[in-house]
Amino acid sequence: MRLRITHTTTFRYDVPVSEAYMEMWLTPLDAGGQRCEAFRLTTDPGGDVRSYVDRFGNRIRHFDTLNPHDRLLVSARSEVSTPEAFIDRERELSLLDRFDYLQPTPYAPDSEAVRAFARGVAVPGDALATARAVLKATHEALTYAPGSTHVKTTADEALGAGKGVCQDFTHVMIAACRVLGLPARYVSGYVFEPQRGSGAASHAWTDVFVAGHGWLSLDPTHGAEQTDHHVRLATGRDYSDVPPTRGVYKGAGKEEMAVEVSVERI
């Protein structure tokens, strides 16, 4: 499927700020059968946009705006071809990747709540079946409820509440897989939902590594594997590695942020 994505972020300040530095994880990946055919990032006020590749293979754009401003507009436009299913040819993890994707993190802790949840769904001796069982159990354990959690909610907090958004589903699944010995990583991106017209949403889901099989890309919010409706932006240990935008500014103004995302088929 070919999709066109527009992701616009507007930052407003109640008094002008003198400088802003921003990093953005908004460039679709060329990986897993997905191909980024076009990408353009513009800013207002304008800035010299540069890029680098991080430890996890994500292309990060960054810029510094040195002119005083009370509004900063960042617009990322891309065109992407997505595969019918995630394609992975990695059959063995490096020692560093295995370490990173098995370690607990603040968002995906090794807590008693997570351990109790994971123990209840494990399939002894079958890593592939266990990964799919965690997918199903996470999908059933949480109710999708926008606004019920916040950006810093952890996996055990979401389990306790029994509800959350895609970020929470993803952290619960990652945490459960890791305590069961399955390397897992956070995937940020979008999901195309034609029933919402051209509407879309920033989305998150989980990659789980199964020895001898490779990475499985599983979406616990929808209880299914990644499809051609998913667009992959970045991967990392948890949300903190791959936020859509992250930055700092110089000034006394208070910041407000608004985000608009559009995904349409082309």
Protein backbone atom coordinates (compact mmCIF):
# COMPACT_ATOMS: atom_id res chain seq x y z
CA MET A 1 0.00 0.00 0.00
CA ARG A 2 1.19 3.55 -0.72
CA LEU A 3 0.41 6.14 1.91
CA ARG A 4 0.95 9.88 2.24
CA ILE A 5 1.50 11.19 5.78
CA THR A 6 1.43 14.75 7.05
CA HIS A 7 2.49 15.30 10.66
CA THR A 8 2.27 18.90 11.85
CA THR A 9 3.38 20.04 15.31
CA THR A 10 2.78 23.59 16.52
CA PHE A 11 4.52 24.99 19.59
CA ARG A 12 3.17 28.27 21.04
CA TYR A 13 4.75 30.38 23.78
CA ASP A 14 2.92 32.97 25.85
CA VAL A 15 5.94 35.29 25.53
CA PRO A 16 8.58 35.11 22.79
CA VAL A 17 11.51 32.75 23.33
CA SER A 18 14.98 33.48 21.97
CA GLU A 19 16.07 30.02 20.79
CA ALA A 20 14.71 26.49 20.29
CA TYR A 21 16.52 23.23 19.58
CA MET A 22 14.47 20.28 18.36
CA GLU A 23 15.03 16.60 17.48
CA MET A 24 12.41 14.67 15.52
CA TRP A 25 11.80 10.94 15.05
CA LEU A 26 9.47 11.50 12.08
CA THR A 27 11.28 9.90 9.12
CA PRO A 28 9.70 6.57 8.06
CA LEU A 29 12.09 3.63 8.17
CA ASP A 30 13.43 1.76 5.17
CA ALA A 31 13.13 -1.59 6.90
CA GLY A 32 10.93 -4.63 7.31
CA GLY A 33 9.73 -4.43 3.70
CA GLN A 34 8.71 -0.78 4.09
CA ARG A 35 10.15 1.84 1.74
CA CYS A 36 10.20 5.60 2.35
CA GLU A 37 9.78 7.09 -1.12
CA ALA A 38 9.78 10.77 -0.18
CA PHE A 39 10.30 12.85 2.94
CA ARG A 40 10.39 16.59 3.56
CA LEU A 41 10.56 18.48 6.83
CA THR A 42 9.95 22.22 7.03
CA THR A 43 10.02 24.62 9.96
CA ASP A 44 8.63 28.09 10.57
CA PRO A 45 10.68 30.03 11.61
CA GLY A 46 13.12 28.38 9.25
CA GLY A 47 16.18 26.53 10.42
CA ASP A 48 19.00 24.45 8.98
CA VAL A 49 17.63 20.89 9.30
CA ARG A 50 20.29 18.22 9.67
CA SER A 51 20.14 14.52 10.43
CA TYR A 52 21.96 11.61 12.04
CA VAL A 53 21.31 7.91 12.60
CA ASP A 54 20.98 6.81 16.21
CA ARG A 55 22.12 3.61 17.90
CA PHE A 56 18.89 1.81 16.89
CA GLY A 57 19.09 2.71 13.20
CA ASN A 58 16.55 5.55 13.26
CA ARG A 59 17.04 8.64 11.08
CA ILE A 60 16.67 11.67 13.38
CA ARG A 61 16.24 15.22 12.03
CA HIS A 62 17.32 18.16 14.17
CA PHE A 63 17.51 21.92 13.91
CA ASP A 64 18.21 25.05 15.94
CA THR A 65 16.06 28.19 15.60
CA LEU A 66 18.01 31.24 16.77
CA ASN A 67 15.47 33.97 16.04
CA PRO A 68 13.00 35.17 18.72
CA HIS A 69 9.55 33.66 18.14
CA ASP A 70 6.28 32.95 19.93
CA ARG A 71 5.25 30.14 17.57
CA LEU A 72 7.21 27.26 16.04
CA LEU A 73 5.66 25.12 13.30
CA VAL A 74 7.22 21.79 12.29
CA SER A 75 5.70 19.95 9.33
CA ALA A 76 6.85 16.49 8.17
CA ARG A 77 5.48 15.12 4.90
CA SER A 78 6.29 11.65 3.62
CA GLU A 79 5.20 9.03 1.12
CA VAL A 80 5.66 5.40 2.07
CA SER A 81 5.13 1.98 0.52
CA THR A 82 4.15 -0.59 3.15
CA PRO A 83 4.33 -4.39 2.87
CA GLU A 84 1.33 -6.66 3.44
CA ALA A 85 3.20 -8.09 6.43
CA PHE A 86 6.39 -7.23 8.30
CA ILE A 87 9.41 -8.83 6.61
CA ASP A 88 12.39 -9.72 8.78
CA ARG A 89 15.58 -11.50 7.78
CA GLU A 90 17.47 -11.08 11.07
CA ARG A 91 17.89 -14.50 12.62
CA GLU A 92 20.36 -13.66 15.37
CA LEU A 93 20.68 -10.68 17.70
CA SER A 94 23.95 -9.03 18.56
CA LEU A 95 24.94 -9.19 22.22
CA LEU A 96 24.23 -5.46 22.59
CA ASP A 97 20.75 -5.75 21.05
CA ARG A 98 19.93 -8.77 23.18
CA PHE A 99 21.01 -6.88 26.30
CA ASP A 100 19.09 -3.71 25.39
CA TYR A 101 15.86 -5.48 24.51
CA LEU A 102 15.82 -7.71 27.60
CA GLN A 103 16.58 -5.07 30.22
CA PRO A 104 13.71 -3.49 32.19
CA THR A 105 13.20 0.24 31.71
CA PRO A 106 11.23 2.84 33.68
CA TYR A 107 8.33 2.48 31.22
CA ALA A 108 8.56 -1.33 31.05
CA PRO A 109 9.66 -2.39 34.56
CA ASP A 110 10.31 -5.84 35.95
CA SER A 111 7.61 -5.48 38.61
CA GLU A 112 5.57 -8.04 40.50
CA ALA A 113 2.45 -6.96 38.62
CA VAL A 114 4.17 -7.53 35.28
CA ARG A 115 5.61 -10.88 36.41
CA ALA A 116 2.21 -12.13 37.59
CA PHE A 117 0.63 -11.12 34.30
CA ALA A 118 3.40 -12.73 32.22
CA ARG A 119 3.48 -16.00 34.19
CA GLY A 120 -0.21 -16.45 33.58
CA VAL A 121 0.14 -16.51 29.79
CA ALA A 122 3.54 -18.15 29.12
CA VAL A 123 3.60 -21.31 26.98
CA PRO A 124 6.49 -23.39 28.38
CA GLY A 125 9.03 -24.43 25.76
CA ASP A 126 7.41 -22.52 22.90
CA ALA A 127 8.70 -18.95 22.44
CA LEU A 128 6.63 -18.29 19.33
CA ALA A 129 3.39 -19.38 21.00
CA THR A 130 4.34 -17.35 24.10
CA ALA A 131 4.80 -14.18 22.06
CA ARG A 132 1.38 -14.60 20.49
CA ALA A 133 -0.16 -15.46 23.85
CA VAL A 134 1.23 -12.23 25.35
CA LEU A 135 -0.23 -10.33 22.39
CA LYS A 136 -3.68 -11.77 23.01
CA ALA A 137 -3.50 -11.37 26.78
CA THR A 138 -2.37 -7.72 26.57
CA HIS A 139 -5.14 -6.91 24.12
CA GLU A 140 -7.70 -8.44 26.51
CA ALA A 141 -6.21 -7.04 29.74
CA LEU A 142 -6.52 -3.37 28.78
CA THR A 143 -9.41 -1.29 27.49
CA TYR A 144 -8.50 1.36 24.95
CA ALA A 145 -9.44 4.64 26.64
CA PRO A 146 -7.97 7.90 25.29
CA GLY A 147 -7.15 10.35 28.05
CA SER A 148 -7.10 7.71 30.77
CA THR A 149 -3.30 7.75 31.07
CA HIS A 150 -0.50 10.23 30.37
CA VAL A 151 2.81 10.17 28.53
CA LYS A 152 4.73 9.00 31.63
CA THR A 153 2.41 6.08 32.58
CA THR A 154 4.32 2.83 33.16
CA ALA A 155 3.35 -0.73 32.25
CA ASP A 156 2.46 -1.74 35.81
CA GLU A 157 0.37 1.41 36.27
CA ALA A 158 -1.55 0.63 33.07
CA LEU A 159 -2.08 -2.97 34.21
CA GLY A 160 -3.41 -1.71 37.53
CA ALA A 161 -5.81 0.68 35.82
CA GLY A 162 -6.88 -1.89 33.22
CA LYS A 163 -6.96 0.74 30.48
CA GLY A 164 -4.78 3.01 28.43
CA VAL A 165 -3.72 4.04 24.94
CA CYS A 166 -1.47 2.34 22.39
CA GLN A 167 1.68 3.42 24.25
CA ASP A 168 0.43 1.63 27.38
CA PHE A 169 -0.53 -1.57 25.51
CA THR A 170 2.93 -1.57 23.98
CA HIS A 171 4.80 -1.08 27.25
CA VAL A 172 2.80 -3.84 28.94
CA MET A 173 3.60 -6.27 26.15
CA ILE A 174 7.28 -5.31 26.09
CA ALA A 175 7.62 -5.70 29.87
CA ALA A 176 5.85 -9.08 29.87
CA CYS A 177 7.94 -10.45 27.02
CA ARG A 178 11.18 -9.36 28.65
CA VAL A 179 10.48 -11.02 31.99
CA LEU A 180 9.76 -14.21 30.02
CA GLY A 181 13.16 -13.98 28.30
CA LEU A 182 11.90 -12.68 24.95
CA PRO A 183 13.72 -9.60 23.60
CA ALA A 184 11.16 -6.91 22.75
CA ARG A 185 11.33 -3.39 21.36
CA TYR A 186 9.03 -0.39 21.00
CA VAL A 187 7.85 0.60 17.52
CA SER A 188 6.57 4.12 16.89
CA GLY A 189 4.60 5.01 13.80
CA TYR A 190 1.11 5.50 12.39
CA VAL A 191 -1.89 3.37 11.59
CA PHE A 192 -4.11 4.07 8.59
CA GLU A 193 -7.78 3.70 9.47
CA PRO A 194 -9.93 4.32 6.37
CA GLN A 195 -13.13 4.20 8.40
CA ARG A 196 -12.02 7.55 9.78
CA GLY A 197 -11.75 9.06 6.31
CA SER A 198 -8.24 10.40 5.82
CA GLY A 199 -7.86 10.28 9.57
CA ALA A 200 -5.06 8.49 11.31
CA ALA A 201 -3.30 8.44 14.57
CA SER A 202 0.22 8.28 15.86
CA HIS A 203 0.55 4.70 16.96
CA ALA A 204 2.84 2.28 18.79
CA TRP A 205 3.26 -1.48 18.82
CA THR A 206 5.79 -4.19 19.67
CA ASP A 207 8.49 -6.21 17.94
CA VAL A 208 9.34 -9.49 19.68
CA PHE A 209 12.43 -11.54 18.78
CA VAL A 210 12.01 -15.30 18.64
CA ALA A 211 15.18 -17.36 18.18
CA GLY A 212 15.19 -19.20 14.86
CA HIS A 213 12.28 -17.12 13.58
CA GLY A 214 13.39 -13.50 13.91
CA TRP A 215 11.39 -10.41 14.76
CA LEU A 216 7.59 -10.62 14.95
CA SER A 217 5.77 -7.29 14.69
CA LEU A 218 2.69 -7.45 16.93
CA ASP A 219 0.11 -4.75 17.64
CA PRO A 220 -1.43 -5.36 21.09
CA THR A 221 -3.88 -2.46 20.78
CA HIS A 222 -5.55 -4.24 17.85
CA GLY A 223 -4.61 -7.77 18.94
CA ALA A 224 -3.04 -8.57 15.58
CA GLU A 225 0.20 -8.61 13.62
CA GLN A 226 1.47 -5.57 11.72
CA THR A 227 -0.26 -5.09 8.35
CA ASP A 228 0.10 -2.78 5.39
CA HIS A 229 -1.92 -0.20 7.35
CA HIS A 230 1.04 0.30 9.70
CA VAL A 231 3.83 2.81 9.00
CA ARG A 232 7.04 2.32 10.98
CA LEU A 233 8.91 5.44 12.12
CA ALA A 234 11.43 4.27 14.71
CA THR A 235 12.32 1.49 17.14
CA GLY A 236 13.88 1.59 20.60
CA ARG A 237 13.76 0.18 24.11
CA ASP A 238 10.62 2.12 25.03
CA TYR A 239 8.86 5.41 24.27
CA SER A 240 11.70 7.50 25.70
CA ASP A 241 14.00 6.37 22.85
CA VAL A 242 11.60 7.37 20.06
CA PRO A 243 9.34 10.35 20.93
CA PRO A 244 8.01 12.13 17.81
CA THR A 245 9.69 15.36 18.95
CA ARG A 246 12.01 16.35 21.77
CA GLY A 247 13.67 19.66 22.40
CA VAL A 248 14.53 22.61 24.60
CA TYR A 249 14.01 26.34 24.32
CA LYS A 250 15.56 29.43 25.87
CA GLY A 251 13.16 31.88 27.46
CA ALA A 252 10.62 32.40 30.21
CA GLY A 253 7.52 31.61 28.13
CA LYS A 254 5.24 28.67 28.84
CA GLU A 255 4.90 26.20 25.98
CA GLU A 256 1.74 24.68 24.51
CA MET A 257 1.92 21.95 21.85
CA ALA A 258 -0.69 20.85 19.30
CA VAL A 259 -0.32 17.93 16.89
CA GLU A 260 -2.23 17.10 13.70
CA VAL A 261 -1.69 13.85 11.79
CA SER A 262 -3.17 12.89 8.44
CA VAL A 263 -2.63 9.60 6.59
CA GLU A 264 -4.21 8.94 3.21
CA ARG A 265 -3.93 6.27 0.56
CA ILE A 266 -2.37 7.29 -2.78
